[in-house]
Structure formats: C-alpha cells, structure tokens
Amino acid sequence: MVNTKKATIEKFQHSPSDTGSVEVQIALLTDKIKMLTNHFESNRKDFSSKRGLLDAVSTRRKLLSYLEKQSVARYKNTIERLGLRK
C-alpha cells in the first residue's frame, strides 16, 4: 500500500514537494476506492468499511467538482489519466 501510494503521488504531483494538490488527493482516493471495492468482493457484509467507501466516493466527487470549477483542462486531464467517466 505504501509503495503504491508513493507511486501515485509521484505520478500526479506538479513539483517534487507536491503531496496535497487536488489531483494527488483525487488519485489517492481513487486507489482507496478500488482497494475497498476489491475488499467487498470477498467481504460482502463488512458494513463499517462500506461507510468508509461511501465517504471516499463523496469526497472524491466534491474534489472533482472543485477542480472542474477551477480549471476545466486539469479536470479533463485528471479524469482521463484515472480512467473515470463523468
């Protein structure tokens, strides 16, 4: 998890010290959502983790809306690189 997190940050950061830009946050949340989705394939009744998944999806949706308002080009680039559909 740590290595994938580090790789995701390096892939989406703007500068070497950038770890909290909107694109990085969206990418990290997308990784978390994918991990939790895979978790639910074998643990269908894990309702407490499902709440965390819904929270992550909601946060990502809000960040995507914010990014779209700030810069449409960065928004389109981010959803294209992550393979999200909107």
PDB file of N, CA and C in Angstrom:
ATOM      1  N   MET A   1       0.826  -1.190   0.000  1.00  0.00           N
ATOM      2  CA  MET A   1       0.000   0.000   0.000  1.00  0.00           C
ATOM      3  C   MET A   1       0.870   1.254   0.000  1.00  0.00           C
ATOM      4  N   VAL A   2       1.933   1.262   0.796  1.00  0.00           N
ATOM      5  CA  VAL A   2       2.787   2.440   0.881  1.00  0.00           C
ATOM      6  C   VAL A   2       3.477   2.699  -0.449  1.00  0.00           C
ATOM      7  N   ASN A   3       3.981   1.641  -1.090  1.00  0.00           N
ATOM      8  CA  ASN A   3       4.660   1.808  -2.375  1.00  0.00           C
ATOM      9  C   ASN A   3       3.708   2.307  -3.448  1.00  0.00           C
ATOM     10  N   THR A   4       2.482   1.796  -3.451  1.00  0.00           N
ATOM     11  CA  THR A   4       1.529   2.258  -4.448  1.00  0.00           C
ATOM     12  C   THR A   4       1.119   3.702  -4.168  1.00  0.00           C
ATOM     13  N   LYS A   5       1.041   4.063  -2.905  1.00  0.00           N
ATOM     14  CA  LYS A   5       0.698   5.434  -2.547  1.00  0.00           C
ATOM     15  C   LYS A   5       1.796   6.393  -2.998  1.00  0.00           C
ATOM     16  N   LYS A   6       3.025   6.002  -2.768  1.00  0.00           N
ATOM     17  CA  LYS A   6       4.160   6.830  -3.178  1.00  0.00           C
ATOM     18  C   LYS A   6       4.211   6.967  -4.699  1.00  0.00           C
ATOM     19  N   ALA A   7       3.966   5.868  -5.401  1.00  0.00           N
ATOM     20  CA  ALA A   7       3.972   5.899  -6.864  1.00  0.00           C
ATOM     21  C   ALA A   7       2.849   6.775  -7.399  1.00  0.00           C
ATOM     22  N   THR A   8       1.691   6.714  -6.760  1.00  0.00           N
ATOM     23  CA  THR A   8       0.559   7.539  -7.185  1.00  0.00           C
ATOM     24  C   THR A   8       0.865   9.013  -6.981  1.00  0.00           C
ATOM     25  N   ILE A   9       1.452   9.345  -5.853  1.00  0.00           N
ATOM     26  CA  ILE A   9       1.813  10.742  -5.580  1.00  0.00           C
ATOM     27  C   ILE A   9       2.806  11.234  -6.618  1.00  0.00           C
ATOM     28  N   GLU A  10       3.837  10.430  -6.912  1.00  0.00           N
ATOM     29  CA  GLU A  10       4.844  10.832  -7.893  1.00  0.00           C
ATOM     30  C   GLU A  10       4.239  10.986  -9.290  1.00  0.00           C
ATOM     31  N   LYS A  11       3.239  10.199  -9.608  1.00  0.00           N
ATOM     32  CA  LYS A  11       2.624  10.247 -10.926  1.00  0.00           C
ATOM     33  C   LYS A  11       1.781  11.512 -11.124  1.00  0.00           C
ATOM     34  N   PHE A  12       1.139  11.989 -10.069  1.00  0.00           N
ATOM     35  CA  PHE A  12       0.201  13.101 -10.202  1.00  0.00           C
ATOM     36  C   PHE A  12       0.693  14.424  -9.623  1.00  0.00           C
ATOM     37  N   GLN A  13       1.858  14.453  -9.009  1.00  0.00           N
ATOM     38  CA  GLN A  13       2.323  15.710  -8.405  1.00  0.00           C
ATOM     39  C   GLN A  13       2.813  16.687  -9.459  1.00  0.00           C
ATOM     40  N   HIS A  14       2.721  17.993  -9.118  1.00  0.00           N
ATOM     41  CA  HIS A  14       3.165  19.053 -10.018  1.00  0.00           C
ATOM     42  C   HIS A  14       4.646  19.354  -9.847  1.00  0.00           C
ATOM     43  N   SER A  15       5.122  19.255  -8.604  1.00  0.00           N
ATOM     44  CA  SER A  15       6.529  19.503  -8.305  1.00  0.00           C
ATOM     45  C   SER A  15       6.988  18.432  -7.321  1.00  0.00           C
ATOM     46  N   PRO A  16       8.294  18.306  -7.107  1.00  0.00           N
ATOM     47  CA  PRO A  16       8.783  17.245  -6.199  1.00  0.00           C
ATOM     48  C   PRO A  16       8.266  17.339  -4.765  1.00  0.00           C
ATOM     49  N   SER A  17       7.888  18.533  -4.319  1.00  0.00           N
ATOM     50  CA  SER A  17       7.398  18.667  -2.945  1.00  0.00           C
ATOM     51  C   SER A  17       5.875  18.673  -2.863  1.00  0.00           C
ATOM     52  N   ASP A  18       5.184  18.465  -3.979  1.00  0.00           N
ATOM     53  CA  ASP A  18       3.725  18.498  -4.019  1.00  0.00           C
ATOM     54  C   ASP A  18       3.161  17.153  -3.572  1.00  0.00           C
ATOM     55  N   THR A  19       2.476  17.154  -2.437  1.00  0.00           N
ATOM     56  CA  THR A  19       1.834  15.929  -1.969  1.00  0.00           C
ATOM     57  C   THR A  19       0.361  16.141  -1.664  1.00  0.00           C
ATOM     58  N   GLY A  20      -0.154  17.347  -1.834  1.00  0.00           N
ATOM     59  CA  GLY A  20      -1.532  17.603  -1.446  1.00  0.00           C
ATOM     60  C   GLY A  20      -2.358  18.351  -2.457  1.00  0.00           C
ATOM     61  N   SER A  21      -1.924  18.408  -3.703  1.00  0.00           N
ATOM     62  CA  SER A  21      -2.732  19.097  -4.706  1.00  0.00           C
ATOM     63  C   SER A  21      -4.022  18.310  -4.937  1.00  0.00           C
ATOM     64  N   VAL A  22      -4.963  18.935  -5.566  1.00  0.00           N
ATOM     65  CA  VAL A  22      -6.262  18.309  -5.784  1.00  0.00           C
ATOM     66  C   VAL A  22      -6.121  17.030  -6.607  1.00  0.00           C
ATOM     67  N   GLU A  23      -5.273  17.073  -7.627  1.00  0.00           N
ATOM     68  CA  GLU A  23      -5.089  15.893  -8.468  1.00  0.00           C
ATOM     69  C   GLU A  23      -4.536  14.713  -7.669  1.00  0.00           C
ATOM     70  N   VAL A  24      -3.588  14.988  -6.784  1.00  0.00           N
ATOM     71  CA  VAL A  24      -2.999  13.932  -5.951  1.00  0.00           C
ATOM     72  C   VAL A  24      -4.055  13.360  -5.015  1.00  0.00           C
ATOM     73  N   GLN A  25      -4.846  14.233  -4.402  1.00  0.00           N
ATOM     74  CA  GLN A  25      -5.887  13.761  -3.494  1.00  0.00           C
ATOM     75  C   GLN A  25      -6.914  12.894  -4.217  1.00  0.00           C
ATOM     76  N   ILE A  26      -7.310  13.311  -5.405  1.00  0.00           N
ATOM     77  CA  ILE A  26      -8.279  12.534  -6.181  1.00  0.00           C
ATOM     78  C   ILE A  26      -7.689  11.175  -6.556  1.00  0.00           C
ATOM     79  N   ALA A  27      -6.429  11.156  -6.955  1.00  0.00           N
ATOM     80  CA  ALA A  27      -5.781   9.898  -7.335  1.00  0.00           C
ATOM     81  C   ALA A  27      -5.676   8.952  -6.136  1.00  0.00           C
ATOM     82  N   LEU A  28      -5.326   9.475  -4.972  1.00  0.00           N
ATOM     83  CA  LEU A  28      -5.220   8.630  -3.781  1.00  0.00           C
ATOM     84  C   LEU A  28      -6.589   8.085  -3.375  1.00  0.00           C
ATOM     85  N   LEU A  29      -7.617   8.929  -3.469  1.00  0.00           N
ATOM     86  CA  LEU A  29      -8.958   8.447  -3.148  1.00  0.00           C
ATOM     87  C   LEU A  29      -9.415   7.381  -4.143  1.00  0.00           C
ATOM     88  N   THR A  30      -9.051   7.536  -5.402  1.00  0.00           N
ATOM     89  CA  THR A  30      -9.406   6.542  -6.405  1.00  0.00           C
ATOM     90  C   THR A  30      -8.750   5.197  -6.091  1.00  0.00           C
ATOM     91  N   ASP A  31      -7.489   5.229  -5.671  1.00  0.00           N
ATOM     92  CA  ASP A  31      -6.810   3.987  -5.270  1.00  0.00           C
ATOM     93  C   ASP A  31      -7.507   3.341  -4.073  1.00  0.00           C
ATOM     94  N   LYS A  32      -7.907   4.167  -3.110  1.00  0.00           N
ATOM     95  CA  LYS A  32      -8.590   3.663  -1.914  1.00  0.00           C
ATOM     96  C   LYS A  32      -9.934   3.052  -2.292  1.00  0.00           C
ATOM     97  N   ILE A  33     -10.658   3.702  -3.201  1.00  0.00           N
ATOM     98  CA  ILE A  33     -11.959   3.191  -3.640  1.00  0.00           C
ATOM     99  C   ILE A  33     -11.790   1.849  -4.346  1.00  0.00           C
ATOM    100  N   LYS A  34     -10.777   1.734  -5.196  1.00  0.00           N
ATOM    101  CA  LYS A  34     -10.520   0.461  -5.885  1.00  0.00           C
ATOM    102  C   LYS A  34     -10.173  -0.642  -4.891  1.00  0.00           C
ATOM    103  N   MET A  35      -9.353  -0.302  -3.874  1.00  0.00           N
ATOM    104  CA  MET A  35      -8.969  -1.291  -2.874  1.00  0.00           C
ATOM    105  C   MET A  35     -10.196  -1.763  -2.093  1.00  0.00           C
ATOM    106  N   LEU A  36     -11.043  -0.830  -1.675  1.00  0.00           N
ATOM    107  CA  LEU A  36     -12.230  -1.205  -0.910  1.00  0.00           C
ATOM    108  C   LEU A  36     -13.218  -1.988  -1.768  1.00  0.00           C
ATOM    109  N   THR A  37     -13.328  -1.654  -3.035  1.00  0.00           N
ATOM    110  CA  THR A  37     -14.224  -2.391  -3.923  1.00  0.00           C
ATOM    111  C   THR A  37     -13.772  -3.845  -4.043  1.00  0.00           C
ATOM    112  N   ASN A  38     -12.470  -4.056  -4.170  1.00  0.00           N
ATOM    113  CA  ASN A  38     -11.945  -5.428  -4.206  1.00  0.00           C
ATOM    114  C   ASN A  38     -12.180  -6.138  -2.880  1.00  0.00           C
ATOM    115  N   HIS A  39     -12.090  -5.420  -1.770  1.00  0.00           N
ATOM    116  CA  HIS A  39     -12.316  -5.982  -0.441  1.00  0.00           C
ATOM    117  C   HIS A  39     -13.750  -6.495  -0.309  1.00  0.00           C
ATOM    118  N   PHE A  40     -14.690  -5.778  -0.893  1.00  0.00           N
ATOM    119  CA  PHE A  40     -16.095  -6.157  -0.764  1.00  0.00           C
ATOM    120  C   PHE A  40     -16.477  -7.355  -1.612  1.00  0.00           C
ATOM    121  N   GLU A  41     -15.638  -7.744  -2.558  1.00  0.00           N
ATOM    122  CA  GLU A  41     -15.929  -8.938  -3.332  1.00  0.00           C
ATOM    123  C   GLU A  41     -15.894 -10.184  -2.449  1.00  0.00           C
ATOM    124  N   SER A  42     -15.031 -10.193  -1.445  1.00  0.00           N
ATOM    125  CA  SER A  42     -14.942 -11.348  -0.554  1.00  0.00           C
ATOM    126  C   SER A  42     -15.552 -11.089   0.822  1.00  0.00           C
ATOM    127  N   ASN A  43     -15.855  -9.838   1.140  1.00  0.00           N
ATOM    128  CA  ASN A  43     -16.419  -9.497   2.446  1.00  0.00           C
ATOM    129  C   ASN A  43     -17.682  -8.650   2.255  1.00  0.00           C
ATOM    130  N   ARG A  44     -18.725  -9.305   1.811  1.00  0.00           N
ATOM    131  CA  ARG A  44     -19.952  -8.586   1.449  1.00  0.00           C
ATOM    132  C   ARG A  44     -20.645  -7.926   2.628  1.00  0.00           C
ATOM    133  N   LYS A  45     -20.484  -8.462   3.820  1.00  0.00           N
ATOM    134  CA  LYS A  45     -21.222  -7.948   4.970  1.00  0.00           C
ATOM    135  C   LYS A  45     -20.415  -6.985   5.834  1.00  0.00           C
ATOM    136  N   ASP A  46     -19.336  -6.467   5.323  1.00  0.00           N
ATOM    137  CA  ASP A  46     -18.499  -5.529   6.070  1.00  0.00           C
ATOM    138  C   ASP A  46     -19.091  -4.118   5.933  1.00  0.00           C
ATOM    139  N   PHE A  47     -20.107  -3.854   6.747  1.00  0.00           N
ATOM    140  CA  PHE A  47     -20.857  -2.611   6.610  1.00  0.00           C
ATOM    141  C   PHE A  47     -20.106  -1.397   7.130  1.00  0.00           C
ATOM    142  N   SER A  48     -19.226  -1.575   8.095  1.00  0.00           N
ATOM    143  CA  SER A  48     -18.470  -0.431   8.612  1.00  0.00           C
ATOM    144  C   SER A  48     -17.464   0.072   7.571  1.00  0.00           C
ATOM    145  N   SER A  49     -16.890  -0.831   6.807  1.00  0.00           N
ATOM    146  CA  SER A  49     -15.990  -0.404   5.734  1.00  0.00           C
ATOM    147  C   SER A  49     -16.764   0.202   4.573  1.00  0.00           C
ATOM    148  N   LYS A  50     -18.003  -0.227   4.399  1.00  0.00           N
ATOM    149  CA  LYS A  50     -18.831   0.328   3.333  1.00  0.00           C
ATOM    150  C   LYS A  50     -19.084   1.815   3.583  1.00  0.00           C
ATOM    151  N   ARG A  51     -19.209   2.197   4.844  1.00  0.00           N
ATOM    152  CA  ARG A  51     -19.382   3.605   5.178  1.00  0.00           C
ATOM    153  C   ARG A  51     -18.136   4.393   4.771  1.00  0.00           C
ATOM    154  N   GLY A  52     -16.958   3.825   4.987  1.00  0.00           N
ATOM    155  CA  GLY A  52     -15.717   4.466   4.564  1.00  0.00           C
ATOM    156  C   GLY A  52     -15.638   4.607   3.054  1.00  0.00           C
ATOM    157  N   LEU A  53     -16.134   3.593   2.334  1.00  0.00           N
ATOM    158  CA  LEU A  53     -16.164   3.654   0.872  1.00  0.00           C
ATOM    159  C   LEU A  53     -17.073   4.784   0.406  1.00  0.00           C
ATOM    160  N   LEU A  54     -18.253   4.887   0.981  1.00  0.00           N
ATOM    161  CA  LEU A  54     -19.181   5.946   0.594  1.00  0.00           C
ATOM    162  C   LEU A  54     -18.615   7.323   0.909  1.00  0.00           C
ATOM    163  N   ASP A  55     -17.910   7.429   2.011  1.00  0.00           N
ATOM    164  CA  ASP A  55     -17.273   8.694   2.376  1.00  0.00           C
ATOM    165  C   ASP A  55     -16.178   9.063   1.365  1.00  0.00           C
ATOM    166  N   ALA A  56     -15.386   8.077   0.954  1.00  0.00           N
ATOM    167  CA  ALA A  56     -14.321   8.332  -0.027  1.00  0.00           C
ATOM    168  C   ALA A  56     -14.900   8.733  -1.378  1.00  0.00           C
ATOM    169  N   VAL A  57     -15.978   8.091  -1.797  1.00  0.00           N
ATOM    170  CA  VAL A  57     -16.620   8.430  -3.067  1.00  0.00           C
ATOM    171  C   VAL A  57     -17.170   9.847  -3.009  1.00  0.00           C
ATOM    172  N   SER A  58     -17.789  10.200  -1.898  1.00  0.00           N
ATOM    173  CA  SER A  58     -18.345  11.544  -1.736  1.00  0.00           C
ATOM    174  C   SER A  58     -17.255  12.604  -1.756  1.00  0.00           C
ATOM    175  N   THR A  59     -16.170  12.354  -1.057  1.00  0.00           N
ATOM    176  CA  THR A  59     -15.060  13.306  -1.024  1.00  0.00           C
ATOM    177  C   THR A  59     -14.445  13.472  -2.410  1.00  0.00           C
ATOM    178  N   ARG A  60     -14.274  12.368  -3.120  1.00  0.00           N
ATOM    179  CA  ARG A  60     -13.711  12.447  -4.470  1.00  0.00           C
ATOM    180  C   ARG A  60     -14.632  13.236  -5.399  1.00  0.00           C
ATOM    181  N   ARG A  61     -15.936  13.030  -5.271  1.00  0.00           N
ATOM    182  CA  ARG A  61     -16.889  13.758  -6.101  1.00  0.00           C
ATOM    183  C   ARG A  61     -16.802  15.263  -5.830  1.00  0.00           C
ATOM    184  N   LYS A  62     -16.678  15.641  -4.566  1.00  0.00           N
ATOM    185  CA  LYS A  62     -16.555  17.060  -4.211  1.00  0.00           C
ATOM    186  C   LYS A  62     -15.258  17.657  -4.752  1.00  0.00           C
ATOM    187  N   LEU A  63     -14.168  16.908  -4.644  1.00  0.00           N
ATOM    188  CA  LEU A  63     -12.890  17.406  -5.167  1.00  0.00           C
ATOM    189  C   LEU A  63     -12.920  17.531  -6.686  1.00  0.00           C
ATOM    190  N   LEU A  64     -13.578  16.595  -7.362  1.00  0.00           N
ATOM    191  CA  LEU A  64     -13.699  16.691  -8.817  1.00  0.00           C
ATOM    192  C   LEU A  64     -14.540  17.908  -9.216  1.00  0.00           C
ATOM    193  N   SER A  65     -15.594  18.178  -8.471  1.00  0.00           N
ATOM    194  CA  SER A  65     -16.406  19.362  -8.757  1.00  0.00           C
ATOM    195  C   SER A  65     -15.598  20.632  -8.556  1.00  0.00           C
ATOM    196  N   TYR A  66     -14.808  20.666  -7.486  1.00  0.00           N
ATOM    197  CA  TYR A  66     -13.958  21.826  -7.218  1.00  0.00           C
ATOM    198  C   TYR A  66     -12.941  22.023  -8.343  1.00  0.00           C
ATOM    199  N   LEU A  67     -12.301  20.941  -8.757  1.00  0.00           N
ATOM    200  CA  LEU A  67     -11.299  21.024  -9.816  1.00  0.00           C
ATOM    201  C   LEU A  67     -11.924  21.476 -11.130  1.00  0.00           C
ATOM    202  N   GLU A  68     -13.138  21.010 -11.416  1.00  0.00           N
ATOM    203  CA  GLU A  68     -13.810  21.410 -12.649  1.00  0.00           C
ATOM    204  C   GLU A  68     -14.111  22.911 -12.647  1.00  0.00           C
ATOM    205  N   LYS A  69     -14.461  23.446 -11.486  1.00  0.00           N
ATOM    206  CA  LYS A  69     -14.725  24.881 -11.380  1.00  0.00           C
ATOM    207  C   LYS A  69     -13.448  25.705 -11.518  1.00  0.00           C
ATOM    208  N   GLN A  70     -12.338  25.171 -11.006  1.00  0.00           N
ATOM    209  CA  GLN A  70     -11.077  25.902 -11.022  1.00  0.00           C
ATOM    210  C   GLN A  70     -10.409  25.865 -12.398  1.00  0.00           C
ATOM    211  N   SER A  71     -10.328  24.682 -12.988  1.00  0.00           N
ATOM    212  CA  SER A  71      -9.632  24.532 -14.259  1.00  0.00           C
ATOM    213  C   SER A  71     -10.188  23.324 -15.009  1.00  0.00           C
ATOM    214  N   VAL A  72     -10.893  23.591 -16.077  1.00  0.00           N
ATOM    215  CA  VAL A  72     -11.513  22.509 -16.850  1.00  0.00           C
ATOM    216  C   VAL A  72     -10.445  21.628 -17.490  1.00  0.00           C
ATOM    217  N   ALA A  73      -9.342  22.223 -17.917  1.00  0.00           N
ATOM    218  CA  ALA A  73      -8.280  21.441 -18.560  1.00  0.00           C
ATOM    219  C   ALA A  73      -7.660  20.446 -17.578  1.00  0.00           C
ATOM    220  N   ARG A  74      -7.353  20.899 -16.371  1.00  0.00           N
ATOM    221  CA  ARG A  74      -6.793  19.998 -15.348  1.00  0.00           C
ATOM    222  C   ARG A  74      -7.805  18.914 -14.980  1.00  0.00           C
ATOM    223  N   TYR A  75      -9.073  19.286 -14.917  1.00  0.00           N
ATOM    224  CA  TYR A  75     -10.136  18.328 -14.604  1.00  0.00           C
ATOM    225  C   TYR A  75     -10.195  17.227 -15.665  1.00  0.00           C
ATOM    226  N   LYS A  76     -10.239  17.618 -16.936  1.00  0.00           N
ATOM    227  CA  LYS A  76     -10.320  16.636 -18.023  1.00  0.00           C
ATOM    228  C   LYS A  76      -9.085  15.753 -18.055  1.00  0.00           C
ATOM    229  N   ASN A  77      -7.912  16.346 -17.820  1.00  0.00           N
ATOM    230  CA  ASN A  77      -6.670  15.583 -17.790  1.00  0.00           C
ATOM    231  C   ASN A  77      -6.695  14.553 -16.659  1.00  0.00           C
ATOM    232  N   THR A  78      -7.183  14.955 -15.495  1.00  0.00           N
ATOM    233  CA  THR A  78      -7.205  14.058 -14.340  1.00  0.00           C
ATOM    234  C   THR A  78      -8.148  12.891 -14.555  1.00  0.00           C
ATOM    235  N   ILE A  79      -9.366  13.158 -15.018  1.00  0.00           N
ATOM    236  CA  ILE A  79     -10.301  12.040 -15.197  1.00  0.00           C
ATOM    237  C   ILE A  79      -9.865  11.126 -16.337  1.00  0.00           C
ATOM    238  N   GLU A  80      -9.168  11.685 -17.321  1.00  0.00           N
ATOM    239  CA  GLU A  80      -8.648  10.851 -18.411  1.00  0.00           C
ATOM    240  C   GLU A  80      -7.528   9.949 -17.909  1.00  0.00           C
ATOM    241  N   ARG A  81      -6.614  10.503 -17.115  1.00  0.00           N
ATOM    242  CA  ARG A  81      -5.495   9.713 -16.599  1.00  0.00           C
ATOM    243  C   ARG A  81      -5.948   8.642 -15.615  1.00  0.00           C
ATOM    244  N   LEU A  82      -7.021   8.915 -14.870  1.00  0.00           N
ATOM    245  CA  LEU A  82      -7.516   7.940 -13.900  1.00  0.00           C
ATOM    246  C   LEU A  82      -8.514   6.957 -14.498  1.00  0.00           C
ATOM    247  N   GLY A  83      -8.990   7.261 -15.685  1.00  0.00           N
ATOM    248  CA  GLY A  83      -9.965   6.372 -16.312  1.00  0.00           C
ATOM    249  C   GLY A  83     -11.345   6.505 -15.714  1.00  0.00           C
ATOM    250  N   LEU A  84     -11.665   7.677 -15.166  1.00  0.00           N
ATOM    251  CA  LEU A  84     -13.001   7.911 -14.607  1.00  0.00           C
ATOM    252  C   LEU A  84     -13.901   8.423 -15.704  1.00  0.00           C
ATOM    253  N   ARG A  85     -15.161   8.161 -15.570  1.00  0.00           N
ATOM    254  CA  ARG A  85     -16.114   8.693 -16.543  1.00  0.00           C
ATOM    255  C   ARG A  85     -16.981   9.722 -15.847  1.00  0.00           C
ATOM    256  N   LYS A  86     -17.355  10.726 -16.579  1.00  0.00           N
ATOM    257  CA  LYS A  86     -18.174  11.786 -15.995  1.00  0.00           C
ATOM    258  C   LYS A  86     -19.204  12.208 -16.994  1.00  0.00           C
TER     259      LYS A  86
END
